[in-house]
């Protein structure tokens, strides 16, 4: 029986190695490659089409490209790989965005290893595997931010000035100020710093 081919993305080296060891112990699973950021995963998967990857198992917050951004790009490119998120974040906003990006599995890192193995098999067979404790909360609060507001706010959270954000997003400074002001208004925040904090706490960044 052909093994399920997996690519891992996790920026914590110890956890990455532990995951690879656990999964490789299973007769029906094979970890093809491991990476510490989403950009390297995207490059590997999209440039090695002949080596079909069945499952991309990724964390959310990583340098270079987040797990959600990785899932979005693979979904946009109609890549056949199925994405499973494995994270410490139980924020409802993250799960909503994951589902919108075509993610097929979403598990918490404190889940038993057998739950992860079962989820990989289930997703590979065409099913979904979502941590049940997240399902109800995920649809209670709708993400109020537009993608442009989210991008501007994420960069503001990293400490970038309005002018630097404008240059990064190829927009005018006035347009960026409008996005940040609109985001703050939607989140009932006093300023961009508070808006970024609220959005991050809810998983909307």
Protein backbone atom coordinates (compact mmCIF):
# COMPACT_ATOMS: atom_id res chain seq x y z
CA UNK A 1 0.00 0.00 0.00
CA UNK A 2 1.36 3.43 -0.98
CA UNK A 3 2.39 5.60 1.94
CA UNK A 4 0.79 8.98 2.64
CA UNK A 5 3.48 11.53 1.79
CA UNK A 6 3.74 14.44 4.25
CA UNK A 7 5.58 17.76 4.37
CA UNK A 8 6.00 19.42 7.78
CA UNK A 9 6.24 23.14 8.62
CA UNK A 10 7.11 24.12 12.20
CA UNK A 11 9.59 26.77 13.38
CA UNK A 12 10.33 25.08 16.73
CA UNK A 13 13.11 22.61 15.91
CA UNK A 14 12.46 20.26 18.82
CA UNK A 15 8.77 19.94 18.01
CA UNK A 16 9.50 19.58 14.30
CA UNK A 17 11.88 16.69 14.96
CA UNK A 18 9.43 15.05 17.38
CA UNK A 19 6.61 15.23 14.85
CA UNK A 20 8.77 13.75 12.12
CA UNK A 21 9.81 10.88 14.40
CA UNK A 22 6.26 10.11 15.54
CA UNK A 23 4.83 10.12 12.03
CA UNK A 24 7.66 8.10 10.46
CA UNK A 25 7.00 5.31 12.99
CA UNK A 26 3.69 4.66 11.22
CA UNK A 27 3.86 2.10 8.41
CA UNK A 28 1.45 4.08 6.21
CA UNK A 29 3.02 7.54 6.65
CA UNK A 30 6.20 9.09 5.22
CA UNK A 31 7.61 12.51 6.10
CA UNK A 32 9.18 13.62 2.83
CA UNK A 33 10.59 16.96 3.99
CA UNK A 34 10.54 19.29 7.00
CA UNK A 35 10.75 23.08 6.97
CA UNK A 36 10.79 25.90 9.51
CA UNK A 37 8.65 28.35 7.52
CA UNK A 38 5.76 28.39 5.10
CA UNK A 39 7.59 30.04 2.20
CA UNK A 40 10.02 27.14 1.88
CA UNK A 41 7.10 24.67 1.95
CA UNK A 42 5.30 26.56 -0.82
CA UNK A 43 8.44 26.64 -2.96
CA UNK A 44 9.07 22.92 -2.42
CA UNK A 45 5.52 21.76 -3.10
CA UNK A 46 4.98 23.93 -6.18
CA UNK A 47 8.36 23.19 -7.79
CA UNK A 48 8.33 19.43 -7.15
CA UNK A 49 5.05 18.46 -8.79
CA UNK A 50 6.45 15.08 -9.82
CA UNK A 51 6.84 14.19 -6.14
CA UNK A 52 3.18 14.41 -5.20
CA UNK A 53 2.68 15.55 -1.62
CA UNK A 54 -0.54 14.30 -0.02
CA UNK A 55 -0.56 16.25 3.26
CA UNK A 56 0.99 19.56 4.34
CA UNK A 57 1.04 19.65 8.15
CA UNK A 58 1.77 23.17 9.31
CA UNK A 59 1.87 25.47 12.31
CA UNK A 60 0.22 28.92 12.03
CA UNK A 61 2.70 31.52 13.26
CA UNK A 62 6.04 31.11 11.47
CA UNK A 63 8.59 33.52 9.99
CA UNK A 64 8.42 34.33 6.29
CA UNK A 65 4.93 33.00 5.67
CA UNK A 66 2.31 31.87 8.18
CA UNK A 67 0.52 28.55 7.94
CA UNK A 68 -2.70 30.33 6.98
CA UNK A 69 -0.95 32.24 4.20
CA UNK A 70 0.60 28.97 3.00
CA UNK A 71 -2.82 27.28 2.94
CA UNK A 72 -4.29 30.24 1.07
CA UNK A 73 -1.56 30.13 -1.60
CA UNK A 74 -1.87 26.36 -2.12
CA UNK A 75 -5.65 26.72 -2.34
CA UNK A 76 -5.34 29.59 -4.84
CA UNK A 77 -3.00 27.51 -7.00
CA UNK A 78 -5.38 24.52 -6.88
CA UNK A 79 -2.59 22.36 -5.52
CA UNK A 80 -3.72 18.82 -4.73
CA UNK A 81 -1.96 18.75 -1.34
CA UNK A 82 -4.35 18.83 1.62
CA UNK A 83 -3.48 21.13 4.50
CA UNK A 84 -3.79 20.29 8.19
CA UNK A 85 -3.11 23.01 10.77
CA UNK A 86 -1.50 21.93 14.04
CA UNK A 87 -1.34 24.85 16.46
CA UNK A 88 -1.51 26.09 20.03
CA UNK A 89 -4.05 28.73 19.00
CA UNK A 90 -7.70 27.94 19.70
CA UNK A 91 -8.88 31.38 18.55
CA UNK A 92 -12.06 31.15 16.50
CA UNK A 93 -10.83 33.66 13.94
CA UNK A 94 -7.96 31.40 12.94
CA UNK A 95 -10.26 28.45 12.29
CA UNK A 96 -12.65 30.51 10.17
CA UNK A 97 -9.79 31.80 8.04
CA UNK A 98 -8.35 28.29 7.78
CA UNK A 99 -11.64 26.93 6.48
CA UNK A 100 -11.91 29.80 3.97
CA UNK A 101 -8.42 28.86 2.74
CA UNK A 102 -9.36 25.25 2.04
CA UNK A 103 -7.77 23.72 5.14
CA UNK A 104 -9.05 20.19 5.74
CA UNK A 105 -7.79 19.63 9.28
CA UNK A 106 -7.30 21.82 12.36
CA UNK A 107 -5.92 20.31 15.55
CA UNK A 108 -4.38 21.65 18.73
CA UNK A 109 -0.81 20.73 19.64
CA UNK A 110 -1.88 19.23 22.96
CA UNK A 111 -4.00 16.63 21.13
CA UNK A 112 -2.92 12.98 21.54
CA UNK A 113 -0.54 11.81 18.81
CA UNK A 114 -3.05 9.14 17.75
CA UNK A 115 -5.61 11.87 17.05
CA UNK A 116 -3.12 13.49 14.66
CA UNK A 117 -2.39 10.19 12.92
CA UNK A 118 -6.11 9.47 12.57
CA UNK A 119 -6.69 12.99 11.24
CA UNK A 120 -4.02 12.59 8.56
CA UNK A 121 -5.59 9.35 7.34
CA UNK A 122 -9.10 10.83 7.42
CA UNK A 123 -8.09 13.96 5.49
CA UNK A 124 -6.15 11.88 2.96
CA UNK A 125 -9.30 9.83 2.35
CA UNK A 126 -11.28 12.99 1.60
CA UNK A 127 -12.69 13.84 5.01
CA UNK A 128 -12.22 16.71 7.45
CA UNK A 129 -10.66 16.62 10.90
CA UNK A 130 -11.47 19.60 13.13
CA UNK A 131 -10.90 19.71 16.89
CA UNK A 132 -14.49 19.41 18.17
CA UNK A 133 -14.01 21.97 20.94
CA UNK A 134 -13.37 24.65 18.31
CA UNK A 135 -16.33 24.01 16.04
CA UNK A 136 -19.03 25.93 17.95
CA UNK A 137 -16.91 28.95 18.84
CA UNK A 138 -15.59 29.34 15.31
CA UNK A 139 -18.88 30.63 13.93
CA UNK A 140 -19.85 32.88 16.83
CA UNK A 141 -17.70 35.89 15.94
CA UNK A 142 -17.29 37.00 12.35
CA UNK A 143 -14.00 38.52 11.25
CA UNK A 144 -14.82 42.21 10.59
CA UNK A 145 -11.61 43.07 8.74
CA UNK A 146 -11.08 43.23 5.01
CA UNK A 147 -7.91 41.62 3.63
CA UNK A 148 -6.37 45.05 2.98
CA UNK A 149 -7.13 46.23 6.52
CA UNK A 150 -5.69 42.99 7.89
CA UNK A 151 -2.44 43.33 5.93
CA UNK A 152 -1.97 46.95 7.00
CA UNK A 153 -2.77 46.15 10.62
CA UNK A 154 -0.40 43.17 10.67
CA UNK A 155 2.47 45.35 9.50
CA UNK A 156 1.50 48.04 12.01
CA UNK A 157 1.61 45.40 14.73
CA UNK A 158 5.21 44.69 13.71
CA UNK A 159 6.04 48.35 14.38
CA UNK A 160 6.19 49.65 10.81
CA UNK A 161 5.35 53.30 10.14
CA UNK A 162 2.50 54.35 7.86
CA UNK A 163 5.01 55.30 5.16
CA UNK A 164 6.84 51.97 5.43
CA UNK A 165 3.55 50.05 5.25
CA UNK A 166 2.54 52.08 2.19
CA UNK A 167 5.83 51.23 0.47
CA UNK A 168 5.50 47.54 1.38
CA UNK A 169 1.91 47.28 0.06
CA UNK A 170 2.48 49.59 -2.94
CA UNK A 171 -0.15 52.02 -1.69
CA UNK A 172 -0.24 55.70 -0.79
CA UNK A 173 0.28 56.71 2.83
CA UNK A 174 -3.20 58.22 2.84
CA UNK A 175 -4.76 54.92 1.75
CA UNK A 176 -2.89 53.06 4.48
CA UNK A 177 -4.07 55.58 7.09
CA UNK A 178 -7.64 55.00 5.89
CA UNK A 179 -7.27 51.21 6.23
CA UNK A 180 -5.82 51.51 9.73
CA UNK A 181 -8.47 54.00 10.79
CA UNK A 182 -11.24 51.80 9.38
CA UNK A 183 -9.83 48.73 11.18
CA UNK A 184 -9.62 50.61 14.48
CA UNK A 185 -13.19 51.83 14.07
CA UNK A 186 -14.51 48.32 13.34
CA UNK A 187 -12.74 46.95 16.41
CA UNK A 188 -13.75 49.87 18.67
CA UNK A 189 -10.07 50.55 19.29
CA UNK A 190 -8.53 53.88 20.28
CA UNK A 191 -5.59 53.52 17.90
CA UNK A 192 -3.74 51.13 15.60
CA UNK A 193 -1.81 49.51 18.46
CA UNK A 194 -4.98 48.60 20.33
CA UNK A 195 -6.65 47.51 17.07
CA UNK A 196 -3.73 45.19 16.29
CA UNK A 197 -3.87 43.72 19.81
CA UNK A 198 -7.63 43.06 19.58
CA UNK A 199 -7.35 41.54 16.11
CA UNK A 200 -4.45 39.31 17.17
CA UNK A 201 -6.28 38.09 20.27
CA UNK A 202 -9.24 37.06 18.11
CA UNK A 203 -7.13 35.37 15.45
CA UNK A 204 -7.97 37.91 12.75
CA UNK A 205 -4.38 38.73 11.87
